[in-house]
Amino acid sequence: MASEDIRRNEQTGNIILEGRQRLSVSGVDDVLSFDENEITADTAEGALVIRGDQLHVERLSLDSGELIITGHVDSMEYADGGRQRGSFWSKLF
């Protein structure tokens, strides 16, 4: 179980948007909220907020960290979500 947690934490998040109609996201740990206008997912890179119209979670696999959304995607934005990722200099000092 510990190796699975380490593997998930090391997973890189990728985003592929196909024609603003299909969005594939990897590195997803959880979907925090969703409706037809906004989906918020917790990813390896922080909280990702997807906004649009008629959004639908087509596939969610937490085992593989994969999320596929269909609908009209207007915007994607990473929110801090309280995760502190200090700069190189702040870690050094």
C-alpha atoms as a PDB file:
ATOM      1  CA  MET A   1       0.000   0.000   0.000  1.00  0.00           C
ATOM      2  CA  ALA A   2       2.833   2.431   0.783  1.00  0.00           C
ATOM      3  CA  SER A   3       4.380   1.899  -2.655  1.00  0.00           C
ATOM      4  CA  GLU A   4       1.008   2.703  -4.266  1.00  0.00           C
ATOM      5  CA  ASP A   5       0.845   6.010  -2.335  1.00  0.00           C
ATOM      6  CA  ILE A   6       4.406   6.880  -3.375  1.00  0.00           C
ATOM      7  CA  ARG A   7       3.670   6.034  -7.016  1.00  0.00           C
ATOM      8  CA  ARG A   8       0.528   8.222  -6.990  1.00  0.00           C
ATOM      9  CA  ASN A   9       2.418  11.143  -5.383  1.00  0.00           C
ATOM     10  CA  GLU A  10       5.102  10.909  -8.070  1.00  0.00           C
ATOM     11  CA  GLN A  11       2.525  10.802 -10.881  1.00  0.00           C
ATOM     12  CA  THR A  12       2.793  13.758 -13.239  1.00  0.00           C
ATOM     13  CA  GLY A  13      -0.352  15.580 -14.207  1.00  0.00           C
ATOM     14  CA  ASN A  14      -1.086  15.975 -17.903  1.00  0.00           C
ATOM     15  CA  ILE A  15      -3.942  17.849 -19.549  1.00  0.00           C
ATOM     16  CA  ILE A  16      -5.124  17.185 -23.104  1.00  0.00           C
ATOM     17  CA  LEU A  17      -7.924  19.332 -24.511  1.00  0.00           C
ATOM     18  CA  GLU A  18      -9.409  18.176 -27.811  1.00  0.00           C
ATOM     19  CA  GLY A  19     -11.350  20.897 -29.611  1.00  0.00           C
ATOM     20  CA  ARG A  20     -12.728  22.331 -26.347  1.00  0.00           C
ATOM     21  CA  GLN A  21     -15.130  19.354 -26.276  1.00  0.00           C
ATOM     22  CA  ARG A  22     -13.124  16.585 -24.579  1.00  0.00           C
ATOM     23  CA  LEU A  23     -10.668  17.035 -21.723  1.00  0.00           C
ATOM     24  CA  SER A  24      -8.356  14.300 -20.421  1.00  0.00           C
ATOM     25  CA  VAL A  25      -6.549  14.885 -17.123  1.00  0.00           C
ATOM     26  CA  SER A  26      -4.036  12.524 -15.518  1.00  0.00           C
ATOM     27  CA  GLY A  27      -2.650  12.705 -11.997  1.00  0.00           C
ATOM     28  CA  VAL A  28      -6.136  13.065 -10.462  1.00  0.00           C
ATOM     29  CA  ASP A  29      -6.445  12.114  -6.797  1.00  0.00           C
ATOM     30  CA  ASP A  30     -10.131  12.990  -6.335  1.00  0.00           C
ATOM     31  CA  VAL A  31     -13.037  14.998  -7.752  1.00  0.00           C
ATOM     32  CA  LEU A  32     -13.978  17.535  -5.095  1.00  0.00           C
ATOM     33  CA  SER A  33     -17.129  18.929  -6.722  1.00  0.00           C
ATOM     34  CA  PHE A  34     -18.932  18.900 -10.031  1.00  0.00           C
ATOM     35  CA  ASP A  35     -21.971  20.231 -11.836  1.00  0.00           C
ATOM     36  CA  GLU A  36     -22.683  21.038 -15.466  1.00  0.00           C
ATOM     37  CA  ASN A  37     -20.833  24.383 -15.263  1.00  0.00           C
ATOM     38  CA  GLU A  38     -17.821  23.641 -13.028  1.00  0.00           C
ATOM     39  CA  ILE A  39     -15.719  20.654 -12.008  1.00  0.00           C
ATOM     40  CA  THR A  40     -13.022  20.824  -9.325  1.00  0.00           C
ATOM     41  CA  ALA A  41     -10.462  18.015  -9.183  1.00  0.00           C
ATOM     42  CA  ASP A  42      -7.617  17.462  -6.734  1.00  0.00           C
ATOM     43  CA  THR A  43      -4.560  16.646  -8.840  1.00  0.00           C
ATOM     44  CA  ALA A  44      -0.877  15.999  -8.334  1.00  0.00           C
ATOM     45  CA  GLU A  45      -0.307  19.664  -9.302  1.00  0.00           C
ATOM     46  CA  GLY A  46      -2.982  21.150  -6.993  1.00  0.00           C
ATOM     47  CA  ALA A  47      -6.706  21.829  -7.295  1.00  0.00           C
ATOM     48  CA  LEU A  48      -7.804  22.157 -10.928  1.00  0.00           C
ATOM     49  CA  VAL A  49     -11.018  24.085 -11.645  1.00  0.00           C
ATOM     50  CA  ILE A  50     -12.633  23.452 -15.043  1.00  0.00           C
ATOM     51  CA  ARG A  51     -15.432  25.770 -16.158  1.00  0.00           C
ATOM     52  CA  GLY A  52     -17.766  25.480 -19.118  1.00  0.00           C
ATOM     53  CA  ASP A  53     -21.219  24.413 -20.274  1.00  0.00           C
ATOM     54  CA  GLN A  54     -22.861  20.998 -20.173  1.00  0.00           C
ATOM     55  CA  LEU A  55     -19.785  19.449 -18.529  1.00  0.00           C
ATOM     56  CA  HIS A  56     -20.055  15.727 -17.917  1.00  0.00           C
ATOM     57  CA  VAL A  57     -17.634  13.363 -16.164  1.00  0.00           C
ATOM     58  CA  GLU A  58     -17.359  10.652 -18.785  1.00  0.00           C
ATOM     59  CA  ARG A  59     -14.758   8.608 -16.922  1.00  0.00           C
ATOM     60  CA  LEU A  60     -13.115   8.771 -13.514  1.00  0.00           C
ATOM     61  CA  SER A  61     -10.560   6.208 -12.413  1.00  0.00           C
ATOM     62  CA  LEU A  62      -8.855   7.049  -9.146  1.00  0.00           C
ATOM     63  CA  ASP A  63      -6.754   3.881  -9.415  1.00  0.00           C
ATOM     64  CA  SER A  64      -5.052   5.180 -12.548  1.00  0.00           C
ATOM     65  CA  GLY A  65      -5.584   8.876 -11.742  1.00  0.00           C
ATOM     66  CA  GLU A  66      -7.493   9.489 -14.976  1.00  0.00           C
ATOM     67  CA  LEU A  67     -10.397  11.905 -15.506  1.00  0.00           C
ATOM     68  CA  ILE A  68     -12.190  12.458 -18.826  1.00  0.00           C
ATOM     69  CA  ILE A  69     -14.680  15.300 -19.199  1.00  0.00           C
ATOM     70  CA  THR A  70     -16.932  16.078 -22.155  1.00  0.00           C
ATOM     71  CA  GLY A  71     -18.871  19.267 -22.852  1.00  0.00           C
ATOM     72  CA  HIS A  72     -17.821  22.790 -23.805  1.00  0.00           C
ATOM     73  CA  VAL A  73     -14.697  23.784 -21.846  1.00  0.00           C
ATOM     74  CA  ASP A  74     -14.335  27.550 -21.336  1.00  0.00           C
ATOM     75  CA  SER A  75     -11.433  27.653 -18.883  1.00  0.00           C
ATOM     76  CA  MET A  76      -9.064  25.653 -16.702  1.00  0.00           C
ATOM     77  CA  GLU A  77      -7.301  27.101 -13.701  1.00  0.00           C
ATOM     78  CA  TYR A  78      -5.122  25.762 -10.921  1.00  0.00           C
ATOM     79  CA  ALA A  79      -6.084  27.025  -7.478  1.00  0.00           C
ATOM     80  CA  ASP A  80      -3.665  26.993  -4.534  1.00  0.00           C
ATOM     81  CA  GLY A  81      -5.926  24.891  -2.342  1.00  0.00           C
ATOM     82  CA  GLY A  82      -3.632  25.543   0.605  1.00  0.00           C
ATOM     83  CA  ARG A  83      -0.704  23.623  -0.863  1.00  0.00           C
ATOM     84  CA  GLN A  84       2.511  25.438  -0.187  1.00  0.00           C
ATOM     85  CA  ARG A  85       5.171  24.929  -2.819  1.00  0.00           C
ATOM     86  CA  GLY A  86       7.976  27.238  -1.795  1.00  0.00           C
ATOM     87  CA  SER A  87      10.544  28.446  -4.246  1.00  0.00           C
ATOM     88  CA  PHE A  88      14.053  27.071  -4.432  1.00  0.00           C
ATOM     89  CA  TRP A  89      15.339  29.992  -2.371  1.00  0.00           C
ATOM     90  CA  SER A  90      12.708  29.655   0.366  1.00  0.00           C
ATOM     91  CA  LYS A  91      13.609  25.976   0.751  1.00  0.00           C
ATOM     92  CA  LEU A  92      17.292  26.797   0.891  1.00  0.00           C
ATOM     93  CA  PHE A  93      16.937  29.392   3.659  1.00  0.00           C
END
